[in-house]
């Protein structure tokens, strides 16, 4: 089944029945942005469990955040990363 994100990057896929032990792998296919076409390794897919017999009260399931990488480094990224690494020390 395929889904398409809206302008906020949100998508909804309706699953009509319980799928027991089955899982759904959400995978990035393409980006609408010409300068942001490469899927970020490690953020290019997510697994969602499709059963209601797992202790979760809601019927809604959420995939981890997925994303594409910009082709060019944005200004300020290097400085931001350096400051974050300094805070870790």
N, C-alpha and C. Protein backbone atom coordinates (compact mmCIF):
# COMPACT_ATOMS: atom_id res chain seq x y z
N UNK A 1 0.85 -1.16 0.00
CA UNK A 1 0.00 0.00 0.00
C UNK A 1 0.90 1.23 0.00
N UNK A 2 0.49 2.26 -0.69
CA UNK A 2 1.28 3.49 -0.74
C UNK A 2 0.53 4.62 -0.06
N UNK A 3 1.29 5.54 0.51
CA UNK A 3 0.74 6.74 1.10
C UNK A 3 1.55 7.94 0.64
N UNK A 4 0.94 9.08 0.65
CA UNK A 4 1.62 10.32 0.25
C UNK A 4 1.49 11.33 1.38
N UNK A 5 2.57 12.02 1.67
CA UNK A 5 2.54 13.00 2.74
C UNK A 5 1.81 14.26 2.28
N UNK A 6 1.28 14.98 3.27
CA UNK A 6 0.67 16.27 2.97
C UNK A 6 1.75 17.35 3.08
N UNK A 7 1.34 18.61 3.07
CA UNK A 7 2.31 19.71 3.08
C UNK A 7 3.12 19.78 4.37
N UNK A 8 2.67 19.10 5.43
CA UNK A 8 3.40 19.10 6.69
C UNK A 8 4.29 17.86 6.83
N UNK A 9 4.26 16.97 5.83
CA UNK A 9 5.06 15.75 5.90
C UNK A 9 4.34 14.63 6.64
N UNK A 10 3.06 14.80 6.89
CA UNK A 10 2.26 13.80 7.61
C UNK A 10 1.53 12.91 6.61
N UNK A 11 1.44 11.63 6.92
CA UNK A 11 0.67 10.72 6.08
C UNK A 11 -0.19 9.84 6.96
N UNK A 12 -1.25 9.32 6.39
CA UNK A 12 -2.16 8.41 7.09
C UNK A 12 -2.44 7.23 6.16
N UNK A 13 -2.31 6.03 6.70
CA UNK A 13 -2.65 4.83 5.95
C UNK A 13 -3.62 4.03 6.81
N UNK A 14 -4.80 3.77 6.29
CA UNK A 14 -5.83 3.05 7.02
C UNK A 14 -5.63 1.55 6.85
N UNK A 15 -5.59 0.84 7.97
CA UNK A 15 -5.51 -0.62 7.98
C UNK A 15 -6.81 -1.11 8.57
N UNK A 16 -7.59 -1.85 7.79
CA UNK A 16 -8.95 -2.21 8.17
C UNK A 16 -9.08 -3.36 9.16
N UNK A 17 -8.09 -4.15 9.34
CA UNK A 17 -8.24 -5.31 10.21
C UNK A 17 -6.95 -5.57 10.98
N UNK A 18 -7.06 -6.41 11.99
CA UNK A 18 -5.88 -6.78 12.78
C UNK A 18 -5.02 -7.74 11.96
N UNK A 19 -3.71 -7.56 12.03
CA UNK A 19 -2.80 -8.39 11.26
C UNK A 19 -1.89 -9.24 12.14
N UNK A 20 -2.32 -9.48 13.38
CA UNK A 20 -1.61 -10.39 14.26
C UNK A 20 -0.13 -10.11 14.37
N UNK A 21 0.68 -11.05 13.94
CA UNK A 21 2.14 -10.95 14.05
C UNK A 21 2.77 -10.20 12.88
N UNK A 22 1.97 -9.73 11.93
CA UNK A 22 2.52 -9.03 10.78
C UNK A 22 2.99 -7.64 11.15
N UNK A 23 3.94 -7.14 10.40
CA UNK A 23 4.44 -5.78 10.59
C UNK A 23 4.34 -5.03 9.26
N UNK A 24 4.41 -3.73 9.37
CA UNK A 24 4.40 -2.87 8.20
C UNK A 24 5.72 -2.12 8.17
N UNK A 25 6.46 -2.24 7.09
CA UNK A 25 7.69 -1.48 6.93
C UNK A 25 7.38 -0.23 6.12
N UNK A 26 7.51 0.92 6.75
CA UNK A 26 7.31 2.20 6.09
C UNK A 26 8.65 2.58 5.48
N UNK A 27 8.67 2.85 4.17
CA UNK A 27 9.91 3.11 3.46
C UNK A 27 9.77 4.37 2.61
N UNK A 28 10.76 5.25 2.68
CA UNK A 28 10.76 6.43 1.82
C UNK A 28 10.95 6.02 0.37
N UNK A 29 10.18 6.64 -0.52
CA UNK A 29 10.28 6.33 -1.94
C UNK A 29 10.86 7.50 -2.71
N UNK A 30 10.30 8.68 -2.52
CA UNK A 30 10.81 9.84 -3.26
C UNK A 30 10.48 11.12 -2.51
N UNK A 31 11.26 12.16 -2.83
CA UNK A 31 11.06 13.47 -2.23
C UNK A 31 10.57 14.43 -3.31
N UNK A 32 9.63 15.30 -2.96
CA UNK A 32 9.18 16.28 -3.94
C UNK A 32 10.16 17.45 -4.10
N UNK A 33 11.17 17.52 -3.24
CA UNK A 33 12.12 18.64 -3.28
C UNK A 33 13.33 18.27 -4.12
N UNK A 34 13.61 19.08 -5.13
CA UNK A 34 14.71 18.80 -6.05
C UNK A 34 16.08 18.79 -5.41
N UNK A 35 16.27 19.55 -4.32
CA UNK A 35 17.57 19.63 -3.66
C UNK A 35 17.63 18.78 -2.39
N UNK A 36 16.74 17.80 -2.32
CA UNK A 36 16.62 16.99 -1.10
C UNK A 36 16.11 15.60 -1.48
N UNK A 37 16.86 14.90 -2.32
CA UNK A 37 16.38 13.64 -2.91
C UNK A 37 16.96 12.38 -2.27
N UNK A 38 18.04 12.49 -1.49
CA UNK A 38 18.70 11.31 -0.95
C UNK A 38 18.13 10.96 0.42
N UNK A 39 17.61 9.75 0.54
CA UNK A 39 17.08 9.28 1.83
C UNK A 39 18.23 9.20 2.84
N UNK A 40 17.97 9.65 4.04
CA UNK A 40 18.97 9.64 5.11
C UNK A 40 19.13 8.21 5.61
N UNK A 41 20.33 7.61 5.46
CA UNK A 41 20.53 6.24 5.95
C UNK A 41 20.20 6.15 7.44
N UNK A 42 19.43 5.16 7.82
CA UNK A 42 19.02 5.02 9.21
C UNK A 42 17.71 5.73 9.50
N UNK A 43 17.31 6.63 8.62
CA UNK A 43 16.02 7.32 8.75
C UNK A 43 15.21 7.17 7.47
N UNK A 44 15.48 6.09 6.74
CA UNK A 44 14.79 5.87 5.47
C UNK A 44 13.67 4.83 5.57
N UNK A 45 13.51 4.23 6.76
CA UNK A 45 12.45 3.25 6.96
C UNK A 45 12.11 3.12 8.44
N UNK A 46 10.92 2.62 8.71
CA UNK A 46 10.49 2.38 10.09
C UNK A 46 9.52 1.20 10.08
N UNK A 47 9.48 0.47 11.17
CA UNK A 47 8.59 -0.69 11.28
C UNK A 47 7.44 -0.36 12.22
N UNK A 48 6.23 -0.77 11.82
CA UNK A 48 5.03 -0.53 12.61
C UNK A 48 4.33 -1.87 12.82
N UNK A 49 3.97 -2.18 14.06
CA UNK A 49 3.26 -3.41 14.39
C UNK A 49 1.78 -3.20 14.11
N UNK A 50 1.15 -4.17 13.44
CA UNK A 50 -0.24 -4.01 13.00
C UNK A 50 -1.24 -4.87 13.77
N UNK A 51 -1.08 -4.93 15.07
CA UNK A 51 -2.05 -5.68 15.88
C UNK A 51 -2.58 -4.80 16.98
N UNK A 52 -3.78 -5.10 17.44
CA UNK A 52 -4.34 -4.39 18.58
C UNK A 52 -4.21 -5.22 19.85
N UNK A 53 -3.59 -6.39 19.73
CA UNK A 53 -3.40 -7.28 20.88
C UNK A 53 -1.99 -7.17 21.44
N UNK A 54 -1.57 -5.93 21.73
CA UNK A 54 -0.22 -5.71 22.23
C UNK A 54 -0.19 -4.76 23.42
N UNK A 55 -1.34 -4.47 24.01
CA UNK A 55 -1.39 -3.62 25.18
C UNK A 55 -1.54 -2.14 24.88
N UNK A 56 -1.50 -1.75 23.63
CA UNK A 56 -1.69 -0.35 23.27
C UNK A 56 -3.18 -0.08 23.17
N UNK A 57 -3.67 0.90 23.94
CA UNK A 57 -5.11 1.17 24.01
C UNK A 57 -5.66 1.79 22.73
N UNK A 58 -4.87 2.55 22.03
CA UNK A 58 -5.33 3.25 20.83
C UNK A 58 -5.18 2.38 19.59
N UNK A 59 -6.00 2.63 18.58
CA UNK A 59 -5.83 1.96 17.29
C UNK A 59 -4.82 2.67 16.40
N UNK A 60 -4.34 3.82 16.83
CA UNK A 60 -3.37 4.58 16.04
C UNK A 60 -1.97 4.05 16.27
N UNK A 61 -1.19 4.00 15.22
CA UNK A 61 0.21 3.60 15.30
C UNK A 61 1.03 4.70 14.64
N UNK A 62 2.24 4.88 15.11
CA UNK A 62 3.10 5.93 14.59
C UNK A 62 4.45 5.34 14.20
N UNK A 63 4.94 5.75 13.03
CA UNK A 63 6.27 5.34 12.59
C UNK A 63 7.28 6.36 13.11
N UNK A 64 8.51 5.93 13.31
CA UNK A 64 9.57 6.87 13.67
C UNK A 64 9.74 7.88 12.54
N UNK A 65 10.36 9.00 12.87
CA UNK A 65 10.59 10.06 11.87
C UNK A 65 11.47 9.55 10.75
N UNK A 66 11.09 9.87 9.53
CA UNK A 66 11.86 9.53 8.33
C UNK A 66 12.32 10.82 7.69
N UNK A 67 13.36 10.75 6.86
CA UNK A 67 13.78 12.01 6.25
C UNK A 67 14.77 11.85 5.11
N UNK A 68 14.83 12.91 4.32
CA UNK A 68 15.78 13.03 3.22
C UNK A 68 16.86 14.03 3.60
N UNK A 69 18.01 13.93 2.96
CA UNK A 69 19.12 14.85 3.24
C UNK A 69 19.18 15.92 2.16
N UNK A 70 19.51 17.14 2.56
CA UNK A 70 19.72 18.23 1.61
C UNK A 70 21.00 17.94 0.83
N UNK A 71 21.02 18.35 -0.43
CA UNK A 71 22.21 18.14 -1.27
C UNK A 71 23.37 19.02 -0.81
N UNK A 72 23.07 20.23 -0.38
CA UNK A 72 24.11 21.16 0.07
C UNK A 72 23.96 21.42 1.56
N UNK A 73 25.09 21.52 2.25
CA UNK A 73 25.09 21.81 3.68
C UNK A 73 24.55 23.22 3.90
N UNK A 74 23.60 23.35 4.79
CA UNK A 74 23.04 24.66 5.10
C UNK A 74 24.02 25.49 5.91
N UNK A 75 24.03 26.79 5.69
CA UNK A 75 24.93 27.65 6.45
C UNK A 75 24.58 27.56 7.93
N UNK A 76 25.57 27.49 8.75
CA UNK A 76 25.35 27.40 10.19
C UNK A 76 25.37 25.99 10.73
N UNK A 77 25.26 24.98 9.88
CA UNK A 77 25.24 23.59 10.36
C UNK A 77 26.55 23.19 11.04
N UNK A 78 27.67 23.55 10.44
CA UNK A 78 28.97 23.18 11.00
C UNK A 78 29.13 23.78 12.38
N UNK A 79 28.77 25.05 12.54
CA UNK A 79 28.88 25.72 13.84
C UNK A 79 27.96 25.07 14.86
N UNK A 80 26.75 24.75 14.45
CA UNK A 80 25.79 24.11 15.35
C UNK A 80 26.31 22.75 15.81
N UNK A 81 26.79 21.93 14.88
CA UNK A 81 27.31 20.62 15.25
C UNK A 81 28.51 20.73 16.19
N UNK A 82 29.39 21.68 15.93
CA UNK A 82 30.55 21.87 16.80
C UNK A 82 30.10 22.25 18.20
N UNK A 83 29.11 23.13 18.33
CA UNK A 83 28.65 23.54 19.66
C UNK A 83 27.97 22.37 20.38
N UNK A 84 27.26 21.53 19.65
CA UNK A 84 26.61 20.36 20.28
C UNK A 84 27.65 19.37 20.75
N UNK A 85 28.73 19.19 19.99
CA UNK A 85 29.79 18.26 20.40
C UNK A 85 30.53 18.79 21.62
N UNK A 86 30.71 20.09 21.72
CA UNK A 86 31.34 20.66 22.89
C UNK A 86 30.51 20.43 24.15
N UNK A 87 29.19 20.49 24.02
CA UNK A 87 28.31 20.26 25.17
C UNK A 87 28.35 18.83 25.65
N UNK A 88 28.66 17.87 24.77
CA UNK A 88 28.75 16.47 25.15
C UNK A 88 29.98 16.18 25.98
N UNK A 89 31.07 16.96 25.80
CA UNK A 89 32.33 16.70 26.52
C UNK A 89 32.24 17.03 27.96
